Amino acid sequence: MSEEEKKHAHNHAHTKAVINRLSKAIGHMEAIKRMVEDGRDCSEILIQLSAVKSAINNTGKVVLQDHIEHCVVEAVESGDYQVIEDLNKAIDYFMKS
């Protein structure tokens, strides 16, 4: 099987939800930037940063679940076991953040 044949399609069931979550996080970050520019209290800024961090982590969970349920299953069914090693690396990076 060639490398091109081993590549699997990235069919994501929750793409729209992920995009919406990311858009909200971006908007939230822009609001935090304005807070900093306006000289708002550092404690308030830290609380808002924590909320964005949580939103990003939850978005990552959705992406991970989608990846396992669709991409990983399809790749393994087609004989592409490299996807498991790649997933382990991605999880390591995600958990370090």
PDB file of N, CA and C in Angstrom:
ATOM      1  N   MET A   1       0.847  -1.181   0.000  1.00  0.00           N
ATOM      2  CA  MET A   1       0.000   0.000   0.000  1.00  0.00           C
ATOM      3  C   MET A   1       0.890   1.242   0.000  1.00  0.00           C
ATOM      4  N   SER A   2       0.644   2.178  -0.916  1.00  0.00           N
ATOM      5  CA  SER A   2       1.456   3.388  -1.006  1.00  0.00           C
ATOM      6  C   SER A   2       1.109   4.359   0.121  1.00  0.00           C
ATOM      7  N   GLU A   3       2.011   5.339   0.336  1.00  0.00           N
ATOM      8  CA  GLU A   3       1.763   6.347   1.369  1.00  0.00           C
ATOM      9  C   GLU A   3       0.473   7.104   1.075  1.00  0.00           C
ATOM     10  N   GLU A   4       0.225   7.354  -0.201  1.00  0.00           N
ATOM     11  CA  GLU A   4      -0.981   8.091  -0.585  1.00  0.00           C
ATOM     12  C   GLU A   4      -2.226   7.285  -0.245  1.00  0.00           C
ATOM     13  N   GLU A   5      -2.172   5.971  -0.422  1.00  0.00           N
ATOM     14  CA  GLU A   5      -3.308   5.129  -0.091  1.00  0.00           C
ATOM     15  C   GLU A   5      -3.521   5.038   1.414  1.00  0.00           C
ATOM     16  N   LYS A   6      -2.427   5.137   2.186  1.00  0.00           N
ATOM     17  CA  LYS A   6      -2.532   5.059   3.635  1.00  0.00           C
ATOM     18  C   LYS A   6      -3.166   6.305   4.240  1.00  0.00           C
ATOM     19  N   LYS A   7      -3.059   7.424   3.527  1.00  0.00           N
ATOM     20  CA  LYS A   7      -3.656   8.659   4.036  1.00  0.00           C
ATOM     21  C   LYS A   7      -5.166   8.454   4.133  1.00  0.00           C
ATOM     22  N   HIS A   8      -5.726   8.935   5.230  1.00  0.00           N
ATOM     23  CA  HIS A   8      -7.166   8.800   5.398  1.00  0.00           C
ATOM     24  C   HIS A   8      -7.825  10.167   5.315  1.00  0.00           C
ATOM     25  N   ALA A   9      -9.067  10.149   4.933  1.00  0.00           N
ATOM     26  CA  ALA A   9      -9.824  11.400   4.859  1.00  0.00           C
ATOM     27  C   ALA A   9     -10.128  11.878   6.267  1.00  0.00           C
ATOM     28  N   HIS A  10     -10.182  13.168   6.414  1.00  0.00           N
ATOM     29  CA  HIS A  10     -10.500  13.736   7.720  1.00  0.00           C
ATOM     30  C   HIS A  10     -11.968  14.149   7.727  1.00  0.00           C
ATOM     31  N   ASN A  11     -12.814  13.197   8.029  1.00  0.00           N
ATOM     32  CA  ASN A  11     -14.247  13.461   8.122  1.00  0.00           C
ATOM     33  C   ASN A  11     -14.570  13.742   9.583  1.00  0.00           C
ATOM     34  N   HIS A  12     -14.946  14.975   9.853  1.00  0.00           N
ATOM     35  CA  HIS A  12     -15.205  15.372  11.230  1.00  0.00           C
ATOM     36  C   HIS A  12     -16.688  15.648  11.415  1.00  0.00           C
ATOM     37  N   ALA A  13     -17.252  15.043  12.439  1.00  0.00           N
ATOM     38  CA  ALA A  13     -18.675  15.215  12.711  1.00  0.00           C
ATOM     39  C   ALA A  13     -18.972  16.532  13.406  1.00  0.00           C
ATOM     40  N   HIS A  14     -17.981  17.095  14.073  1.00  0.00           N
ATOM     41  CA  HIS A  14     -18.218  18.281  14.894  1.00  0.00           C
ATOM     42  C   HIS A  14     -17.477  19.521  14.400  1.00  0.00           C
ATOM     43  N   THR A  15     -17.199  19.590  13.112  1.00  0.00           N
ATOM     44  CA  THR A  15     -16.432  20.715  12.572  1.00  0.00           C
ATOM     45  C   THR A  15     -17.095  22.047  12.897  1.00  0.00           C
ATOM     46  N   LYS A  16     -18.383  22.158  12.664  1.00  0.00           N
ATOM     47  CA  LYS A  16     -19.081  23.425  12.902  1.00  0.00           C
ATOM     48  C   LYS A  16     -19.013  23.800  14.381  1.00  0.00           C
ATOM     49  N   ALA A  17     -19.185  22.835  15.267  1.00  0.00           N
ATOM     50  CA  ALA A  17     -19.120  23.110  16.706  1.00  0.00           C
ATOM     51  C   ALA A  17     -17.721  23.574  17.106  1.00  0.00           C
ATOM     52  N   VAL A  18     -16.699  22.956  16.536  1.00  0.00           N
ATOM     53  CA  VAL A  18     -15.319  23.348  16.845  1.00  0.00           C
ATOM     54  C   VAL A  18     -15.061  24.766  16.344  1.00  0.00           C
ATOM     55  N   ILE A  19     -15.491  25.064  15.142  1.00  0.00           N
ATOM     56  CA  ILE A  19     -15.305  26.416  14.600  1.00  0.00           C
ATOM     57  C   ILE A  19     -16.029  27.443  15.469  1.00  0.00           C
ATOM     58  N   ASN A  20     -17.238  27.130  15.891  1.00  0.00           N
ATOM     59  CA  ASN A  20     -17.985  28.047  16.760  1.00  0.00           C
ATOM     60  C   ASN A  20     -17.272  28.263  18.085  1.00  0.00           C
ATOM     61  N   ARG A  21     -16.764  27.200  18.675  1.00  0.00           N
ATOM     62  CA  ARG A  21     -16.039  27.311  19.947  1.00  0.00           C
ATOM     63  C   ARG A  21     -14.776  28.157  19.779  1.00  0.00           C
ATOM     64  N   LEU A  22     -14.058  27.936  18.683  1.00  0.00           N
ATOM     65  CA  LEU A  22     -12.845  28.714  18.436  1.00  0.00           C
ATOM     66  C   LEU A  22     -13.169  30.187  18.198  1.00  0.00           C
ATOM     67  N   SER A  23     -14.238  30.449  17.485  1.00  0.00           N
ATOM     68  CA  SER A  23     -14.645  31.834  17.244  1.00  0.00           C
ATOM     69  C   SER A  23     -14.974  32.536  18.561  1.00  0.00           C
ATOM     70  N   LYS A  24     -15.662  31.832  19.452  1.00  0.00           N
ATOM     71  CA  LYS A  24     -15.980  32.406  20.767  1.00  0.00           C
ATOM     72  C   LYS A  24     -14.703  32.679  21.559  1.00  0.00           C
ATOM     73  N   ALA A  25     -13.766  31.748  21.514  1.00  0.00           N
ATOM     74  CA  ALA A  25     -12.502  31.927  22.247  1.00  0.00           C
ATOM     75  C   ALA A  25     -11.722  33.114  21.675  1.00  0.00           C
ATOM     76  N   ILE A  26     -11.728  33.258  20.364  1.00  0.00           N
ATOM     77  CA  ILE A  26     -11.045  34.391  19.733  1.00  0.00           C
ATOM     78  C   ILE A  26     -11.695  35.696  20.176  1.00  0.00           C
ATOM     79  N   GLY A  27     -13.009  35.740  20.180  1.00  0.00           N
ATOM     80  CA  GLY A  27     -13.717  36.931  20.645  1.00  0.00           C
ATOM     81  C   GLY A  27     -13.411  37.247  22.093  1.00  0.00           C
ATOM     82  N   HIS A  28     -13.344  36.207  22.889  1.00  0.00           N
ATOM     83  CA  HIS A  28     -13.021  36.369  24.306  1.00  0.00           C
ATOM     84  C   HIS A  28     -11.605  36.912  24.466  1.00  0.00           C
ATOM     85  N   MET A  29     -10.668  36.399  23.682  1.00  0.00           N
ATOM     86  CA  MET A  29      -9.286  36.887  23.742  1.00  0.00           C
ATOM     87  C   MET A  29      -9.207  38.357  23.328  1.00  0.00           C
ATOM     88  N   GLU A  30      -9.976  38.736  22.334  1.00  0.00           N
ATOM     89  CA  GLU A  30      -9.991  40.137  21.920  1.00  0.00           C
ATOM     90  C   GLU A  30     -10.517  41.030  23.046  1.00  0.00           C
ATOM     91  N   ALA A  31     -11.525  40.530  23.770  1.00  0.00           N
ATOM     92  CA  ALA A  31     -12.060  41.281  24.914  1.00  0.00           C
ATOM     93  C   ALA A  31     -11.008  41.410  26.014  1.00  0.00           C
ATOM     94  N   ILE A  32     -10.244  40.346  26.232  1.00  0.00           N
ATOM     95  CA  ILE A  32      -9.181  40.387  27.244  1.00  0.00           C
ATOM     96  C   ILE A  32      -8.102  41.379  26.823  1.00  0.00           C
ATOM     97  N   LYS A  33      -7.777  41.393  25.564  1.00  0.00           N
ATOM     98  CA  LYS A  33      -6.787  42.355  25.064  1.00  0.00           C
ATOM     99  C   LYS A  33      -7.248  43.777  25.357  1.00  0.00           C
ATOM    100  N   ARG A  34      -8.531  44.054  25.124  1.00  0.00           N
ATOM    101  CA  ARG A  34      -9.064  45.382  25.427  1.00  0.00           C
ATOM    102  C   ARG A  34      -8.984  45.676  26.925  1.00  0.00           C
ATOM    103  N   MET A  35      -9.220  44.644  27.744  1.00  0.00           N
ATOM    104  CA  MET A  35      -9.102  44.820  29.198  1.00  0.00           C
ATOM    105  C   MET A  35      -7.688  45.266  29.567  1.00  0.00           C
ATOM    106  N   VAL A  36      -6.703  44.626  28.962  1.00  0.00           N
ATOM    107  CA  VAL A  36      -5.303  44.981  29.232  1.00  0.00           C
ATOM    108  C   VAL A  36      -5.038  46.399  28.760  1.00  0.00           C
ATOM    109  N   GLU A  37      -5.493  46.711  27.547  1.00  0.00           N
ATOM    110  CA  GLU A  37      -5.295  48.060  27.005  1.00  0.00           C
ATOM    111  C   GLU A  37      -5.952  49.134  27.878  1.00  0.00           C
ATOM    112  N   ASP A  38      -7.075  48.779  28.486  1.00  0.00           N
ATOM    113  CA  ASP A  38      -7.813  49.724  29.336  1.00  0.00           C
ATOM    114  C   ASP A  38      -7.285  49.773  30.762  1.00  0.00           C
ATOM    115  N   GLY A  39      -6.274  48.950  31.051  1.00  0.00           N
ATOM    116  CA  GLY A  39      -5.691  48.956  32.389  1.00  0.00           C
ATOM    117  C   GLY A  39      -6.561  48.329  33.455  1.00  0.00           C
ATOM    118  N   ARG A  40      -7.354  47.342  33.071  1.00  0.00           N
ATOM    119  CA  ARG A  40      -8.230  46.665  34.029  1.00  0.00           C
ATOM    120  C   ARG A  40      -7.415  45.886  35.046  1.00  0.00           C
ATOM    121  N   ASP A  41      -8.050  45.531  36.118  1.00  0.00           N
ATOM    122  CA  ASP A  41      -7.424  44.818  37.228  1.00  0.00           C
ATOM    123  C   ASP A  41      -6.836  43.484  36.756  1.00  0.00           C
ATOM    124  N   CYS A  42      -5.625  43.222  37.202  1.00  0.00           N
ATOM    125  CA  CYS A  42      -4.917  41.992  36.796  1.00  0.00           C
ATOM    126  C   CYS A  42      -5.683  40.734  37.212  1.00  0.00           C
ATOM    127  N   SER A  43      -6.314  40.769  38.359  1.00  0.00           N
ATOM    128  CA  SER A  43      -7.080  39.608  38.820  1.00  0.00           C
ATOM    129  C   SER A  43      -8.220  39.297  37.863  1.00  0.00           C
ATOM    130  N   GLU A  44      -8.908  40.332  37.387  1.00  0.00           N
ATOM    131  CA  GLU A  44      -9.995  40.134  36.427  1.00  0.00           C
ATOM    132  C   GLU A  44      -9.450  39.537  35.127  1.00  0.00           C
ATOM    133  N   ILE A  45      -8.308  40.030  34.697  1.00  0.00           N
ATOM    134  CA  ILE A  45      -7.692  39.540  33.460  1.00  0.00           C
ATOM    135  C   ILE A  45      -7.311  38.071  33.612  1.00  0.00           C
ATOM    136  N   LEU A  46      -6.731  37.724  34.741  1.00  0.00           N
ATOM    137  CA  LEU A  46      -6.339  36.320  34.972  1.00  0.00           C
ATOM    138  C   LEU A  46      -7.553  35.399  34.974  1.00  0.00           C
ATOM    139  N   ILE A  47      -8.642  35.846  35.561  1.00  0.00           N
ATOM    140  CA  ILE A  47      -9.866  35.035  35.583  1.00  0.00           C
ATOM    141  C   ILE A  47     -10.369  34.810  34.157  1.00  0.00           C
ATOM    142  N   GLN A  48     -10.337  35.873  33.348  1.00  0.00           N
ATOM    143  CA  GLN A  48     -10.793  35.745  31.968  1.00  0.00           C
ATOM    144  C   GLN A  48      -9.858  34.860  31.146  1.00  0.00           C
ATOM    145  N   LEU A  49      -8.561  34.977  31.395  1.00  0.00           N
ATOM    146  CA  LEU A  49      -7.603  34.090  30.714  1.00  0.00           C
ATOM    147  C   LEU A  49      -7.852  32.640  31.082  1.00  0.00           C
ATOM    148  N   SER A  50      -8.192  32.395  32.330  1.00  0.00           N
ATOM    149  CA  SER A  50      -8.506  31.041  32.776  1.00  0.00           C
ATOM    150  C   SER A  50      -9.733  30.497  32.041  1.00  0.00           C
ATOM    151  N   ALA A  51     -10.717  31.367  31.832  1.00  0.00           N
ATOM    152  CA  ALA A  51     -11.920  30.945  31.109  1.00  0.00           C
ATOM    153  C   ALA A  51     -11.591  30.567  29.666  1.00  0.00           C
ATOM    154  N   VAL A  52     -10.713  31.342  29.026  1.00  0.00           N
ATOM    155  CA  VAL A  52     -10.315  31.033  27.646  1.00  0.00           C
ATOM    156  C   VAL A  52      -9.528  29.728  27.603  1.00  0.00           C
ATOM    157  N   LYS A  53      -8.642  29.557  28.554  1.00  0.00           N
ATOM    158  CA  LYS A  53      -7.844  28.323  28.625  1.00  0.00           C
ATOM    159  C   LYS A  53      -8.767  27.108  28.748  1.00  0.00           C
ATOM    160  N   SER A  54      -9.775  27.216  29.587  1.00  0.00           N
ATOM    161  CA  SER A  54     -10.739  26.131  29.758  1.00  0.00           C
ATOM    162  C   SER A  54     -11.514  25.878  28.462  1.00  0.00           C
ATOM    163  N   ALA A  55     -11.910  26.955  27.797  1.00  0.00           N
ATOM    164  CA  ALA A  55     -12.646  26.811  26.537  1.00  0.00           C
ATOM    165  C   ALA A  55     -11.794  26.120  25.482  1.00  0.00           C
ATOM    166  N   ILE A  56     -10.519  26.475  25.410  1.00  0.00           N
ATOM    167  CA  ILE A  56      -9.613  25.843  24.446  1.00  0.00           C
ATOM    168  C   ILE A  56      -9.423  24.370  24.788  1.00  0.00           C
ATOM    169  N   ASN A  57      -9.242  24.061  26.067  1.00  0.00           N
ATOM    170  CA  ASN A  57      -9.090  22.656  26.470  1.00  0.00           C
ATOM    171  C   ASN A  57     -10.331  21.844  26.123  1.00  0.00           C
ATOM    172  N   ASN A  58     -11.502  22.415  26.348  1.00  0.00           N
ATOM    173  CA  ASN A  58     -12.739  21.701  26.017  1.00  0.00           C
ATOM    174  C   ASN A  58     -12.891  21.531  24.510  1.00  0.00           C
ATOM    175  N   THR A  59     -12.453  22.500  23.741  1.00  0.00           N
ATOM    176  CA  THR A  59     -12.472  22.377  22.282  1.00  0.00           C
ATOM    177  C   THR A  59     -11.524  21.257  21.851  1.00  0.00           C
ATOM    178  N   GLY A  60     -10.366  21.192  22.492  1.00  0.00           N
ATOM    179  CA  GLY A  60      -9.422  20.113  22.204  1.00  0.00           C
ATOM    180  C   GLY A  60     -10.020  18.742  22.471  1.00  0.00           C
ATOM    181  N   LYS A  61     -10.807  18.641  23.521  1.00  0.00           N
ATOM    182  CA  LYS A  61     -11.466  17.361  23.836  1.00  0.00           C
ATOM    183  C   LYS A  61     -12.432  16.952  22.730  1.00  0.00           C
ATOM    184  N   VAL A  62     -13.176  17.929  22.197  1.00  0.00           N
ATOM    185  CA  VAL A  62     -14.107  17.638  21.107  1.00  0.00           C
ATOM    186  C   VAL A  62     -13.338  17.167  19.874  1.00  0.00           C
ATOM    187  N   VAL A  63     -12.245  17.850  19.552  1.00  0.00           N
ATOM    188  CA  VAL A  63     -11.416  17.465  18.399  1.00  0.00           C
ATOM    189  C   VAL A  63     -10.853  16.061  18.609  1.00  0.00           C
ATOM    190  N   LEU A  64     -10.381  15.780  19.811  1.00  0.00           N
ATOM    191  CA  LEU A  64      -9.822  14.463  20.122  1.00  0.00           C
ATOM    192  C   LEU A  64     -10.876  13.367  19.990  1.00  0.00           C
ATOM    193  N   GLN A  65     -12.049  13.593  20.554  1.00  0.00           N
ATOM    194  CA  GLN A  65     -13.121  12.594  20.445  1.00  0.00           C
ATOM    195  C   GLN A  65     -13.496  12.355  18.989  1.00  0.00           C
ATOM    196  N   ASP A  66     -13.632  13.440  18.234  1.00  0.00           N
ATOM    197  CA  ASP A  66     -13.975  13.338  16.819  1.00  0.00           C
ATOM    198  C   ASP A  66     -12.896  12.562  16.063  1.00  0.00           C
ATOM    199  N   HIS A  67     -11.640  12.875  16.382  1.00  0.00           N
ATOM    200  CA  HIS A  67     -10.525  12.207  15.711  1.00  0.00           C
ATOM    201  C   HIS A  67     -10.539  10.703  15.995  1.00  0.00           C
ATOM    202  N   ILE A  68     -10.741  10.338  17.235  1.00  0.00           N
ATOM    203  CA  ILE A  68     -10.757   8.917  17.591  1.00  0.00           C
ATOM    204  C   ILE A  68     -11.935   8.216  16.932  1.00  0.00           C
ATOM    205  N   GLU A  69     -13.122   8.805  17.035  1.00  0.00           N
ATOM    206  CA  GLU A  69     -14.337   8.163  16.526  1.00  0.00           C
ATOM    207  C   GLU A  69     -14.359   8.031  15.005  1.00  0.00           C
ATOM    208  N   HIS A  70     -13.699   8.931  14.320  1.00  0.00           N
ATOM    209  CA  HIS A  70     -13.779   8.913  12.856  1.00  0.00           C
ATOM    210  C   HIS A  70     -12.430   8.622  12.204  1.00  0.00           C
ATOM    211  N   CYS A  71     -11.486   9.516  12.376  1.00  0.00           N
ATOM    212  CA  CYS A  71     -10.205   9.392  11.674  1.00  0.00           C
ATOM    213  C   CYS A  71      -9.438   8.138  12.077  1.00  0.00           C
ATOM    214  N   VAL A  72      -9.311   7.909  13.375  1.00  0.00           N
ATOM    215  CA  VAL A  72      -8.519   6.767  13.835  1.00  0.00           C
ATOM    216  C   VAL A  72      -9.189   5.462  13.431  1.00  0.00           C
ATOM    217  N   VAL A  73     -10.483   5.370  13.627  1.00  0.00           N
ATOM    218  CA  VAL A  73     -11.202   4.145  13.259  1.00  0.00           C
ATOM    219  C   VAL A  73     -11.040   3.870  11.765  1.00  0.00           C
ATOM    220  N   GLU A  74     -11.250   4.898  10.931  1.00  0.00           N
ATOM    221  CA  GLU A  74     -11.128   4.712   9.481  1.00  0.00           C
ATOM    222  C   GLU A  74      -9.701   4.342   9.082  1.00  0.00           C
ATOM    223  N   ALA A  75      -8.723   4.975   9.696  1.00  0.00           N
ATOM    224  CA  ALA A  75      -7.329   4.690   9.353  1.00  0.00           C
ATOM    225  C   ALA A  75      -6.951   3.261   9.723  1.00  0.00           C
ATOM    226  N   VAL A  76      -7.316   2.832  10.918  1.00  0.00           N
ATOM    227  CA  VAL A  76      -6.985   1.476  11.355  1.00  0.00           C
ATOM    228  C   VAL A  76      -7.705   0.451  10.472  1.00  0.00           C
ATOM    229  N   GLU A  77      -8.965   0.731  10.139  1.00  0.00           N
ATOM    230  CA  GLU A  77      -9.695  -0.185   9.256  1.00  0.00           C
ATOM    231  C   GLU A  77      -9.025  -0.314   7.894  1.00  0.00           C
ATOM    232  N   SER A  78      -8.330   0.751   7.466  1.00  0.00           N
ATOM    233  CA  SER A  78      -7.650   0.698   6.164  1.00  0.00           C
ATOM    234  C   SER A  78      -6.201   0.239   6.302  1.00  0.00           C
ATOM    235  N   GLY A  79      -5.790  -0.132   7.530  1.00  0.00           N
ATOM    236  CA  GLY A  79      -4.443  -0.654   7.740  1.00  0.00           C
ATOM    237  C   GLY A  79      -3.396   0.395   8.064  1.00  0.00           C
ATOM    238  N   ASP A  80      -3.810   1.621   8.330  1.00  0.00           N
ATOM    239  CA  ASP A  80      -2.868   2.697   8.656  1.00  0.00           C
ATOM    240  C   ASP A  80      -2.716   2.789  10.179  1.00  0.00           C
ATOM    241  N   TYR A  81      -1.697   2.100  10.698  1.00  0.00           N
ATOM    242  CA  TYR A  81      -1.486   2.084  12.149  1.00  0.00           C
ATOM    243  C   TYR A  81      -0.579   3.227  12.609  1.00  0.00           C
ATOM    244  N   GLN A  82       0.009   3.943  11.677  1.00  0.00           N
ATOM    245  CA  GLN A  82       0.811   5.123  12.002  1.00  0.00           C
ATOM    246  C   GLN A  82      -0.049   6.158  12.729  1.00  0.00           C
ATOM    247  N   VAL A  83      -1.341   6.166  12.437  1.00  0.00           N
ATOM    248  CA  VAL A  83      -2.258   7.132  13.034  1.00  0.00           C
ATOM    249  C   VAL A  83      -2.269   7.016  14.559  1.00  0.00           C
ATOM    250  N   ILE A  84      -2.039   5.822  15.082  1.00  0.00           N
ATOM    251  CA  ILE A  84      -2.027   5.638  16.541  1.00  0.00           C
ATOM    252  C   ILE A  84      -0.787   6.286  17.139  1.00  0.00           C
ATOM    253  N   GLU A  85       0.353   6.119  16.492  1.00  0.00           N
ATOM    254  CA  GLU A  85       1.573   6.773  16.966  1.00  0.00           C
ATOM    255  C   GLU A  85       1.430   8.298  16.886  1.00  0.00           C
ATOM    256  N   ASP A  86       0.860   8.770  15.788  1.00  0.00           N
ATOM    257  CA  ASP A  86       0.636  10.206  15.634  1.00  0.00           C
ATOM    258  C   ASP A  86      -0.315  10.731  16.703  1.00  0.00           C
ATOM    259  N   LEU A  87      -1.339   9.962  17.011  1.00  0.00           N
ATOM    260  CA  LEU A  87      -2.297  10.351  18.044  1.00  0.00           C
ATOM    261  C   LEU A  87      -1.625  10.434  19.407  1.00  0.00           C
ATOM    262  N   ASN A  88      -0.789   9.461  19.712  1.00  0.00           N
ATOM    263  CA  ASN A  88      -0.075   9.488  20.991  1.00  0.00           C
ATOM    264  C   ASN A  88       0.801  10.731  21.118  1.00  0.00           C
ATOM    265  N   LYS A  89       1.483  11.103  20.048  1.00  0.00           N
ATOM    266  CA  LYS A  89       2.305  12.319  20.062  1.00  0.00           C
ATOM    267  C   LYS A  89       1.430  13.556  20.288  1.00  0.00           C
ATOM    268  N   ALA A  90       0.310  13.617  19.577  1.00  0.00           N
ATOM    269  CA  ALA A  90      -0.588  14.763  19.693  1.00  0.00           C
ATOM    270  C   ALA A  90      -1.148  14.868  21.114  1.00  0.00           C
ATOM    271  N   ILE A  91      -1.496  13.744  21.704  1.00  0.00           N
ATOM    272  CA  ILE A  91      -2.010  13.750  23.079  1.00  0.00           C
ATOM    273  C   ILE A  91      -0.930  14.238  24.036  1.00  0.00           C
ATOM    274  N   ASP A  92       0.311  13.804  23.844  1.00  0.00           N
ATOM    275  CA  ASP A  92       1.411  14.277  24.683  1.00  0.00           C
ATOM    276  C   ASP A  92       1.539  15.796  24.612  1.00  0.00           C
ATOM    277  N   TYR A  93       1.515  16.349  23.404  1.00  0.00           N
ATOM    278  CA  TYR A  93       1.600  17.797  23.236  1.00  0.00           C
ATOM    279  C   TYR A  93       0.409  18.494  23.885  1.00  0.00           C
ATOM    280  N   PHE A  94      -0.773  17.960  23.682  1.00  0.00           N
ATOM    281  CA  PHE A  94      -1.991  18.564  24.210  1.00  0.00           C
ATOM    282  C   PHE A  94      -1.976  18.571  25.738  1.00  0.00           C
ATOM    283  N   MET A  95      -1.505  17.500  26.325  1.00  0.00           N
ATOM    284  CA  MET A  95      -1.501  17.387  27.783  1.00  0.00           C
ATOM    285  C   MET A  95      -0.458  18.289  28.415  1.00  0.00           C
ATOM    286  N   LYS A  96       0.598  18.629  27.686  1.00  0.00           N
ATOM    287  CA  LYS A  96       1.647  19.504  28.227  1.00  0.00           C
ATOM    288  C   LYS A  96       1.189  20.953  28.311  1.00  0.00           C
ATOM    289  N   SER A  97       0.194  21.312  27.532  1.00  0.00           N
ATOM    290  CA  SER A  97      -0.213  22.723  27.500  1.00  0.00           C
ATOM    291  C   SER A  97      -1.026  23.112  28.702  1.00  0.00           C
TER     292      SER A  97
END
